[in-house]
Amino acid sequence: MQKQALVLGAGGFIGSHLVKRLKAEGFWVRGVDLKFPEFAETEADDFVIGDLREQSICREVIDRRFDEVYQLAADMGGAGYIFTGQHDADIMHNSATINLNVVDLCHKRNIKRVFYSSSACMYPAYNQEDPDNPNCAEDSAYPAAPDSEYGWEKLFSERLYLAYNRNFGMQCRVARFHNIFGPEGTWTGGKEKAPAAICRKVASAAQGGEIEIWGDGTQTRSFLFIDECVEGILRLTRSDFEGPVNIGSDEMVSINQLVDMVSEIAGKPLRKRHIDGPLGVRGRNSDNRLIEEKLGWRPNLPLSEGLKQTYAWIERQVKGNR
């Protein structure tokens, strides 16, 4: 029998790449989202446009015992969306409603294996004030103090899925994503993440010009290429470890360094103009000790290699939109 998978959030960046990988493995795949993938045709066998906040839609798409369910649907975006405070109610209500609907209907369909995508945004802000020494080990999550309502919702939903494991014998798997990037991701419009935003700014800048950077640029992050993210998702979902576990790179760079890397790839020396803007925590880096211990694997693609592929793709988008 051909295995069947359900990907919720399949119109998004990570979800659309995950659909491609599952199809390559021979799965029959149903995708669900509010929209089709923006930059490529979906490879899903069945794609449903639907709002997972509605129980009727969830009942329609969770209509059988899927072998694997991947829950990536969420109200989310980059710092310009999450940290302004203007979208807090929507972020918490929309994402929590989706997760409450999905996990309960999976339980009622006797679906055991459900992957849930949490975020590094659930880590305490007090452990991420030093840009050179952030603490994002999985056991540092409590006492809880996320830096945004987005992070609080992720923390709640982590506990929701793990409670269904304890109470109903499900096998939900929880991962905390750290800044996933790559081709076919959002690159403009306000919801893009830092690598995409910087690639767009560099691609749009004149040779020898300047680009604007939020803050002083010394804030640190790590960024994980999409192919490694998908590999981590599948390894965790099919393992005996429920998580939560980080899926991210541990190659930490400052935003200034990230700009320099992209500028070098583009062959464009550029000046940085630092301006006020939403920043999030001062430092964040994936701690990969637990994923290596539990899964015998950790991401290892150099950031520069992922940026080369991403910049080439975004540069084509920028030129095509002029």
Protein backbone atom coordinates (compact mmCIF):
# COMPACT_ATOMS: atom_id res chain seq x y z
CA MET A 1 0.00 0.00 0.00
CA GLN A 2 1.26 3.48 -0.89
CA LYS A 3 1.89 5.57 2.21
CA GLN A 4 -0.15 8.75 2.63
CA ALA A 5 0.94 12.03 4.17
CA LEU A 6 -0.92 15.23 5.04
CA VAL A 7 0.98 18.53 4.95
CA LEU A 8 -0.79 21.44 6.63
CA GLY A 9 0.69 24.76 5.55
CA ALA A 10 1.68 23.23 2.21
CA GLY A 11 1.38 26.56 0.41
CA GLY A 12 4.16 28.02 2.53
CA PHE A 13 7.90 27.92 2.11
CA ILE A 14 8.81 24.93 4.28
CA GLY A 15 5.58 23.07 3.54
CA SER A 16 6.00 23.24 -0.24
CA HIS A 17 9.55 21.91 -0.02
CA LEU A 18 8.38 19.13 2.31
CA VAL A 19 5.70 18.10 -0.20
CA LYS A 20 8.37 17.76 -2.90
CA ARG A 21 10.50 15.55 -0.65
CA LEU A 22 7.58 13.31 0.33
CA LYS A 23 6.58 12.89 -3.31
CA ALA A 24 10.19 11.96 -4.15
CA GLU A 25 9.91 9.25 -1.49
CA GLY A 26 6.80 7.81 -3.12
CA PHE A 27 4.08 9.14 -0.79
CA TRP A 28 0.59 10.14 -1.84
CA VAL A 29 0.38 13.68 -0.44
CA ARG A 30 -2.48 15.99 0.40
CA GLY A 31 -1.57 19.62 0.97
CA VAL A 32 -3.76 22.20 2.72
CA ASP A 33 -3.33 25.97 2.99
CA LEU A 34 -5.06 29.30 2.48
CA LYS A 35 -3.09 29.67 -0.74
CA PHE A 36 -1.16 27.70 -3.31
CA PRO A 37 2.66 27.91 -3.22
CA GLU A 38 3.66 31.32 -4.51
CA PHE A 39 6.71 30.50 -6.59
CA ALA A 40 6.15 27.01 -8.02
CA GLU A 41 3.34 24.62 -8.80
CA THR A 42 2.51 22.31 -5.91
CA GLU A 43 3.55 18.69 -6.31
CA ALA A 44 0.81 17.47 -3.96
CA ASP A 45 -1.56 14.85 -5.36
CA ASP A 46 -4.46 16.70 -3.76
CA PHE A 47 -4.30 20.34 -2.65
CA VAL A 48 -7.16 21.85 -0.67
CA ILE A 49 -7.59 25.59 -0.27
CA GLY A 50 -9.04 25.84 3.21
CA ASP A 51 -8.94 27.66 6.53
CA LEU A 52 -7.75 25.30 9.27
CA ARG A 53 -9.25 27.58 11.91
CA GLU A 54 -12.59 26.14 10.78
CA GLN A 55 -13.42 22.73 12.25
CA SER A 56 -15.45 21.83 9.18
CA ILE A 57 -12.38 22.26 6.97
CA CYS A 58 -10.25 20.21 9.34
CA ARG A 59 -12.83 17.40 9.27
CA GLU A 60 -12.84 17.55 5.48
CA VAL A 61 -9.08 17.22 5.06
CA ILE A 62 -8.38 14.89 7.99
CA ASP A 63 -10.72 12.30 6.55
CA ARG A 64 -8.64 9.15 6.92
CA ARG A 65 -5.81 7.63 8.93
CA PHE A 66 -2.77 9.25 7.33
CA ASP A 67 0.59 7.57 7.94
CA GLU A 68 2.22 10.94 8.68
CA VAL A 69 0.79 14.41 9.36
CA TYR A 70 2.97 17.52 9.22
CA GLN A 71 1.50 20.57 10.96
CA LEU A 72 3.32 23.69 9.76
CA ALA A 73 0.32 26.00 9.34
CA ALA A 74 0.65 29.17 11.41
CA ASP A 75 0.19 32.92 11.39
CA MET A 76 3.81 34.01 11.21
CA GLY A 77 6.44 36.18 9.58
CA GLY A 78 9.75 37.89 10.17
CA ALA A 79 10.66 40.49 12.80
CA GLY A 80 8.73 43.18 10.95
CA TYR A 81 5.55 41.18 11.54
CA ILE A 82 6.09 39.43 14.86
CA PHE A 83 7.75 42.11 16.99
CA THR A 84 5.70 45.21 16.24
CA GLY A 85 2.89 44.15 18.59
CA GLN A 86 0.28 45.04 15.99
CA HIS A 87 -0.54 41.42 15.10
CA ASP A 88 -0.36 39.75 18.53
CA ALA A 89 -4.05 38.86 18.87
CA ASP A 90 -4.24 37.41 15.36
CA ILE A 91 -1.02 35.45 15.78
CA MET A 92 -2.12 33.85 19.05
CA HIS A 93 -5.74 33.22 18.11
CA ASN A 94 -5.14 31.94 14.59
CA SER A 95 -2.27 29.58 15.35
CA ALA A 96 -3.69 28.22 18.60
CA THR A 97 -7.07 27.56 16.97
CA ILE A 98 -5.39 25.63 14.14
CA ASN A 99 -3.40 23.48 16.55
CA LEU A 100 -6.37 22.77 18.81
CA ASN A 101 -8.40 21.64 15.81
CA VAL A 102 -5.65 19.59 14.17
CA VAL A 103 -4.36 17.56 17.09
CA ASP A 104 -7.84 16.64 18.32
CA LEU A 105 -9.07 15.53 14.91
CA CYS A 106 -5.88 13.52 14.36
CA HIS A 107 -6.56 11.81 17.70
CA LYS A 108 -10.15 11.07 16.68
CA ARG A 109 -8.94 9.57 13.38
CA ASN A 110 -6.45 7.44 15.33
CA ILE A 111 -3.54 9.11 13.54
CA LYS A 112 -0.46 8.54 15.68
CA ARG A 113 2.45 10.25 13.95
CA VAL A 114 2.05 14.05 13.86
CA PHE A 115 4.92 16.52 13.41
CA TYR A 116 4.51 19.98 14.92
CA SER A 117 6.74 22.91 13.96
CA SER A 118 7.50 25.07 16.96
CA SER A 119 10.05 27.89 16.94
CA ALA A 120 13.17 29.11 18.71
CA CYS A 121 11.06 32.18 19.53
CA MET A 122 9.71 30.24 22.51
CA TYR A 123 13.09 30.40 24.31
CA PRO A 124 13.38 32.85 27.23
CA ALA A 125 14.43 36.33 26.25
CA TYR A 126 16.63 36.54 29.37
CA ASN A 127 18.90 33.81 27.93
CA GLN A 128 19.39 35.70 24.67
CA GLU A 129 20.59 39.11 25.79
CA ASP A 130 24.29 38.48 25.11
CA PRO A 131 24.79 38.31 21.33
CA ASP A 132 27.99 36.29 21.76
CA ASN A 133 26.66 33.69 24.23
CA PRO A 134 22.96 32.90 23.74
CA ASN A 135 21.56 29.87 25.52
CA CYS A 136 19.11 27.91 23.36
CA ALA A 137 19.57 24.44 24.83
CA GLU A 138 16.23 22.63 24.86
CA ASP A 139 16.19 22.37 28.66
CA SER A 140 16.55 26.14 29.00
CA ALA A 141 12.90 26.73 28.03
CA TYR A 142 11.73 27.20 31.63
CA PRO A 143 11.12 29.43 33.53
CA ALA A 144 9.32 30.57 30.39
CA ALA A 145 9.72 34.11 29.09
CA PRO A 146 9.42 34.24 25.28
CA ASP A 147 10.16 37.58 23.65
CA SER A 148 6.88 37.72 21.71
CA GLU A 149 3.28 36.49 21.76
CA TYR A 150 4.25 34.35 18.76
CA GLY A 151 6.71 32.54 21.05
CA TRP A 152 4.12 32.14 23.81
CA GLU A 153 1.68 30.49 21.41
CA LYS A 154 4.40 28.13 20.17
CA LEU A 155 5.19 27.13 23.76
CA PHE A 156 1.51 26.47 24.51
CA SER A 157 1.10 24.36 21.38
CA GLU A 158 4.24 22.32 22.14
CA ARG A 159 2.66 21.37 25.46
CA LEU A 160 -0.65 20.63 23.74
CA TYR A 161 0.85 18.06 21.36
CA LEU A 162 2.92 16.43 24.08
CA ALA A 163 -0.14 16.24 26.35
CA TYR A 164 -1.94 14.27 23.61
CA ASN A 165 1.04 11.90 23.58
CA ARG A 166 0.72 11.30 27.32
CA ASN A 167 -3.05 11.09 27.53
CA PHE A 168 -3.97 9.37 24.26
CA GLY A 169 -0.90 7.40 23.19
CA MET A 170 -0.15 9.58 20.17
CA GLN A 171 3.36 9.88 18.76
CA CYS A 172 3.55 13.61 18.09
CA ARG A 173 7.00 15.03 17.38
CA VAL A 174 7.96 18.61 18.22
CA ALA A 175 10.80 20.61 16.63
CA ARG A 176 11.94 24.16 17.32
CA PHE A 177 12.95 25.80 14.04
CA HIS A 178 15.79 28.32 13.89
CA ASN A 179 15.46 30.76 10.97
CA ILE A 180 14.89 28.59 7.91
CA PHE A 181 15.82 30.10 4.55
CA GLY A 182 16.29 29.20 0.90
CA PRO A 183 14.86 29.53 -2.61
CA GLU A 184 11.09 29.90 -3.03
CA GLY A 185 10.71 31.61 0.32
CA THR A 186 8.99 34.93 0.98
CA TRP A 187 11.45 37.68 0.01
CA THR A 188 9.40 40.89 0.17
CA GLY A 189 6.19 42.30 1.65
CA GLY A 190 7.01 42.47 5.36
CA LYS A 191 6.90 38.80 6.38
CA GLU A 192 10.30 37.81 5.00
CA LYS A 193 13.12 36.63 7.26
CA ALA A 194 16.53 38.31 7.52
CA PRO A 195 18.46 36.30 4.86
CA ALA A 196 15.76 36.92 2.24
CA ALA A 197 15.42 40.60 3.17
CA ILE A 198 19.17 41.15 2.95
CA CYS A 199 19.46 39.24 -0.34
CA ARG A 200 16.69 41.44 -1.74
CA LYS A 201 18.33 44.64 -0.52
CA VAL A 202 21.73 43.66 -1.91
CA ALA A 203 20.23 42.58 -5.24
CA SER A 204 18.38 45.90 -5.51
CA ALA A 205 21.33 48.10 -4.48
CA ALA A 206 23.53 49.92 -6.93
CA GLN A 207 27.19 48.92 -7.11
CA GLY A 208 29.00 50.77 -4.31
CA GLY A 209 25.72 51.92 -2.77
CA GLU A 210 24.26 51.33 0.67
CA ILE A 211 21.55 49.26 2.33
CA GLU A 212 19.52 49.81 5.49
CA ILE A 213 19.96 47.45 8.43
CA TRP A 214 17.68 47.37 11.48
CA GLY A 215 19.62 48.07 14.67
CA ASP A 216 23.37 48.19 15.03
CA GLY A 217 23.88 44.89 13.21
CA THR A 218 25.68 43.19 16.09
CA GLN A 219 22.66 41.06 16.97
CA THR A 220 23.43 37.41 16.21
CA ARG A 221 21.48 34.55 14.66
CA SER A 222 21.97 31.22 12.94
CA PHE A 223 20.22 30.33 9.68
CA LEU A 224 19.33 26.86 8.38
CA PHE A 225 19.03 26.00 4.70
CA ILE A 226 15.68 24.53 3.67
CA ASP A 227 16.98 21.14 2.47
CA GLU A 228 18.54 20.44 5.85
CA CYS A 229 15.37 21.56 7.60
CA VAL A 230 13.31 19.03 5.62
CA GLU A 231 15.84 16.29 6.37
CA GLY A 232 15.61 17.09 10.09
CA ILE A 233 11.81 17.08 10.00
CA LEU A 234 11.65 13.61 8.46
CA ARG A 235 14.31 12.13 10.72
CA LEU A 236 12.55 13.40 13.84
CA THR A 237 9.05 12.41 12.68
CA ARG A 238 10.14 8.83 12.03
CA SER A 239 12.22 8.49 15.19
CA ASP A 240 11.35 7.29 18.68
CA PHE A 241 12.18 10.71 20.17
CA GLU A 242 9.25 13.06 20.74
CA GLY A 243 11.27 16.24 21.33
CA PRO A 244 11.11 19.13 21.66
CA VAL A 245 14.39 19.43 19.78
CA ASN A 246 16.13 22.22 17.88
CA ILE A 247 16.30 22.01 14.10
CA GLY A 248 18.75 24.72 13.16
CA SER A 249 22.32 25.58 12.27
CA ASP A 250 24.89 26.30 14.97
CA GLU A 251 26.94 28.57 12.65
CA MET A 252 26.22 31.86 14.41
CA VAL A 253 26.80 35.17 12.63
CA SER A 254 25.97 38.80 13.31
CA ILE A 255 23.59 40.59 10.97
CA ASN A 256 26.52 42.74 9.85
CA GLN A 257 28.45 39.58 8.97
CA LEU A 258 25.42 38.22 7.12
CA VAL A 259 25.29 41.41 5.02
CA ASP A 260 29.00 41.09 4.24
CA MET A 261 28.56 37.46 3.17
CA VAL A 262 25.72 38.30 0.80
CA SER A 263 27.59 41.34 -0.56
CA GLU A 264 30.61 39.15 -1.32
CA ILE A 265 28.44 36.55 -3.06
CA ALA A 266 26.89 39.33 -5.16
CA GLY A 267 30.24 40.96 -5.87
CA LYS A 268 28.91 44.26 -4.50
CA PRO A 269 30.81 46.15 -1.79
CA LEU A 270 28.08 48.09 0.03
CA ARG A 271 27.84 50.53 2.92
CA LYS A 272 25.51 49.72 5.83
CA ARG A 273 23.14 52.35 7.18
CA HIS A 274 21.79 51.35 10.56
CA ILE A 275 18.25 52.46 11.31
CA ASP A 276 15.64 51.85 14.00
CA GLY A 277 13.50 48.76 13.53
CA PRO A 278 12.13 45.69 15.33
CA LEU A 279 15.01 43.49 16.48
CA GLY A 280 13.86 40.63 18.69
CA VAL A 281 16.49 39.14 21.02
CA ARG A 282 20.15 40.20 20.88
CA GLY A 283 21.48 36.70 20.26
CA ARG A 284 20.15 33.31 19.14
CA ASN A 285 21.92 30.17 17.99
CA SER A 286 20.78 26.58 17.68
CA ASP A 287 22.22 24.21 20.27
CA ASN A 288 22.56 20.93 18.37
CA ARG A 289 23.86 18.61 21.06
CA LEU A 290 20.48 16.98 21.74
CA ILE A 291 19.55 16.31 18.10
CA GLU A 292 22.93 14.69 17.50
CA GLU A 293 22.54 12.56 20.63
CA LYS A 294 18.99 11.43 19.86
CA LEU A 295 19.01 11.21 16.05
CA GLY A 296 22.72 10.74 15.29
CA TRP A 297 22.50 13.68 12.89
CA ARG A 298 23.01 17.42 12.82
CA PRO A 299 22.89 20.04 10.05
CA ASN A 300 26.30 20.80 8.56
CA LEU A 301 25.84 22.77 5.32
CA PRO A 302 27.91 25.98 5.50
CA LEU A 303 25.81 29.14 5.59
CA SER A 304 27.70 30.50 2.58
CA GLU A 305 26.58 27.59 0.41
CA GLY A 306 22.92 28.09 1.24
CA LEU A 307 23.23 31.83 0.71
CA LYS A 308 24.70 31.35 -2.77
CA GLN A 309 21.64 29.38 -3.88
CA THR A 310 19.23 31.75 -2.15
CA TYR A 311 20.83 34.92 -3.47
CA ALA A 312 20.81 33.61 -7.05
CA TRP A 313 17.09 32.86 -6.78
CA ILE A 314 16.15 36.17 -5.13
CA GLU A 315 18.25 38.15 -7.61
CA ARG A 316 16.18 36.60 -10.41
CA GLN A 317 12.97 37.61 -8.60
CA VAL A 318 14.17 41.18 -8.13
CA LYS A 319 15.17 41.52 -11.78
CA GLY A 320 11.90 40.00 -12.90
CA ASN A 321 9.89 42.53 -10.87
CA ARG A 322 11.60 45.66 -12.17
